[in-house]
Amino acid sequence: MKVQIIDDGKITIPLEIRQRLGLREGDELLFSLEGNEVRLRPVKRRRLSEFRGALPTTVAYPGKDAIRRQVAKTLATDTEQS
C-alpha cells in the first residue's frame, strides 16, 4: 500500500492495516530503520489486569479487607513515628 507524507511528516495508516493490528487513536508506534527500510511496530499498552497470574504467589491472597486493615495499621504506625 502506498501513502503520502503530508505537513510535518504525517502519514495516514490505511484502515485495513489499522483494523488488522487493532490500532486506535492515541496508540503508539515504534519506528526502526533496517538498512534503507523502515519498520513500524505497534507499542501496545497493557492493562494491569492482563498480568494477573503471571508470577507465582508466595503468600495466599488474604482479601481486600485484610489488606486495608494492614495498610491502615502501617500508616498509623508511620504517622506516630513522624
Protein backbone atom coordinates (compact mmCIF):
# COMPACT_ATOMS: atom_id res chain seq x y z
CA MET A 1 0.00 0.00 0.00
CA LYS A 2 1.20 3.45 -0.81
CA VAL A 3 0.65 6.54 1.37
CA GLN A 4 1.73 10.16 1.03
CA ILE A 5 3.62 12.24 3.56
CA ILE A 6 1.76 15.49 4.42
CA ASP A 7 2.50 18.50 6.66
CA ASP A 8 5.09 17.97 9.38
CA GLY A 9 5.90 14.43 8.14
CA LYS A 10 2.46 12.99 8.96
CA ILE A 11 1.12 9.90 7.22
CA THR A 12 -2.22 8.10 7.33
CA ILE A 13 -2.06 4.41 8.10
CA PRO A 14 -4.53 2.63 5.83
CA LEU A 15 -7.74 1.43 7.51
CA GLU A 16 -7.09 -2.23 6.65
CA ILE A 17 -3.75 -2.15 8.49
CA ARG A 18 -5.18 -0.26 11.49
CA GLN A 19 -8.01 -2.80 11.79
CA ARG A 20 -5.74 -5.81 11.41
CA LEU A 21 -3.35 -4.54 14.09
CA GLY A 22 -6.13 -3.20 16.32
CA LEU A 23 -4.70 0.32 16.22
CA ARG A 24 -6.75 3.19 17.60
CA GLU A 25 -6.25 6.92 18.03
CA GLY A 26 -3.60 7.56 20.65
CA ASP A 27 -1.79 4.23 20.16
CA GLU A 28 1.97 4.44 19.83
CA LEU A 29 4.11 3.04 17.02
CA LEU A 30 7.78 2.15 17.14
CA PHE A 31 9.81 3.14 14.06
CA SER A 32 13.06 1.31 13.34
CA LEU A 33 15.50 1.62 10.45
CA GLU A 34 16.75 -1.59 8.87
CA GLY A 35 19.16 -0.67 6.11
CA ASN A 36 17.16 1.54 3.74
CA GLU A 37 13.81 0.27 5.02
CA VAL A 38 11.58 1.49 7.82
CA ARG A 39 9.72 -0.94 10.05
CA LEU A 40 6.68 0.11 12.07
CA ARG A 41 5.54 -1.88 15.09
CA PRO A 42 2.66 -1.11 17.43
CA VAL A 43 3.55 -0.48 21.06
CA LYS A 44 0.62 -1.93 22.92
CA ARG A 45 -0.14 -0.65 26.38
CA ARG A 46 -1.19 -3.45 28.65
CA ARG A 47 -3.66 -3.22 31.46
CA LEU A 48 -2.53 -4.27 34.89
CA SER A 49 -5.24 -6.94 34.91
CA GLU A 50 -3.51 -8.65 31.96
CA PHE A 51 -0.59 -9.50 34.26
CA ARG A 52 -2.77 -11.39 36.74
CA GLY A 53 -1.32 -14.84 37.27
CA ALA A 54 1.95 -14.03 35.50
CA LEU A 55 4.02 -14.70 38.62
CA PRO A 56 3.64 -17.46 41.17
CA THR A 57 2.32 -16.37 44.55
CA THR A 58 4.34 -16.88 47.70
CA VAL A 59 1.51 -15.99 50.08
CA ALA A 60 -2.19 -16.71 49.76
CA TYR A 61 -4.34 -13.66 48.97
CA PRO A 62 -5.84 -12.55 52.30
CA GLY A 63 -8.66 -10.49 50.77
CA LYS A 64 -9.27 -6.76 50.37
CA ASP A 65 -10.41 -6.19 53.95
CA ALA A 66 -7.28 -7.74 55.44
CA ILE A 67 -5.08 -5.70 53.12
CA ARG A 68 -6.94 -2.49 54.01
CA ARG A 69 -6.53 -3.23 57.73
CA GLN A 70 -2.79 -3.80 57.26
CA VAL A 71 -2.36 -0.60 55.23
CA ALA A 72 -4.27 1.41 57.87
CA LYS A 73 -2.14 -0.13 60.62
CA THR A 74 1.07 0.65 58.73
CA LEU A 75 0.00 4.22 58.01
CA ALA A 76 -0.94 4.76 61.65
CA THR A 77 2.47 3.45 62.77
CA ASP A 78 4.28 5.65 60.24
CA THR A 79 2.30 8.71 61.37
CA GLU A 80 3.09 8.04 65.06
CA GLN A 81 6.81 7.77 64.32
CA SER A 82 6.90 11.08 62.38
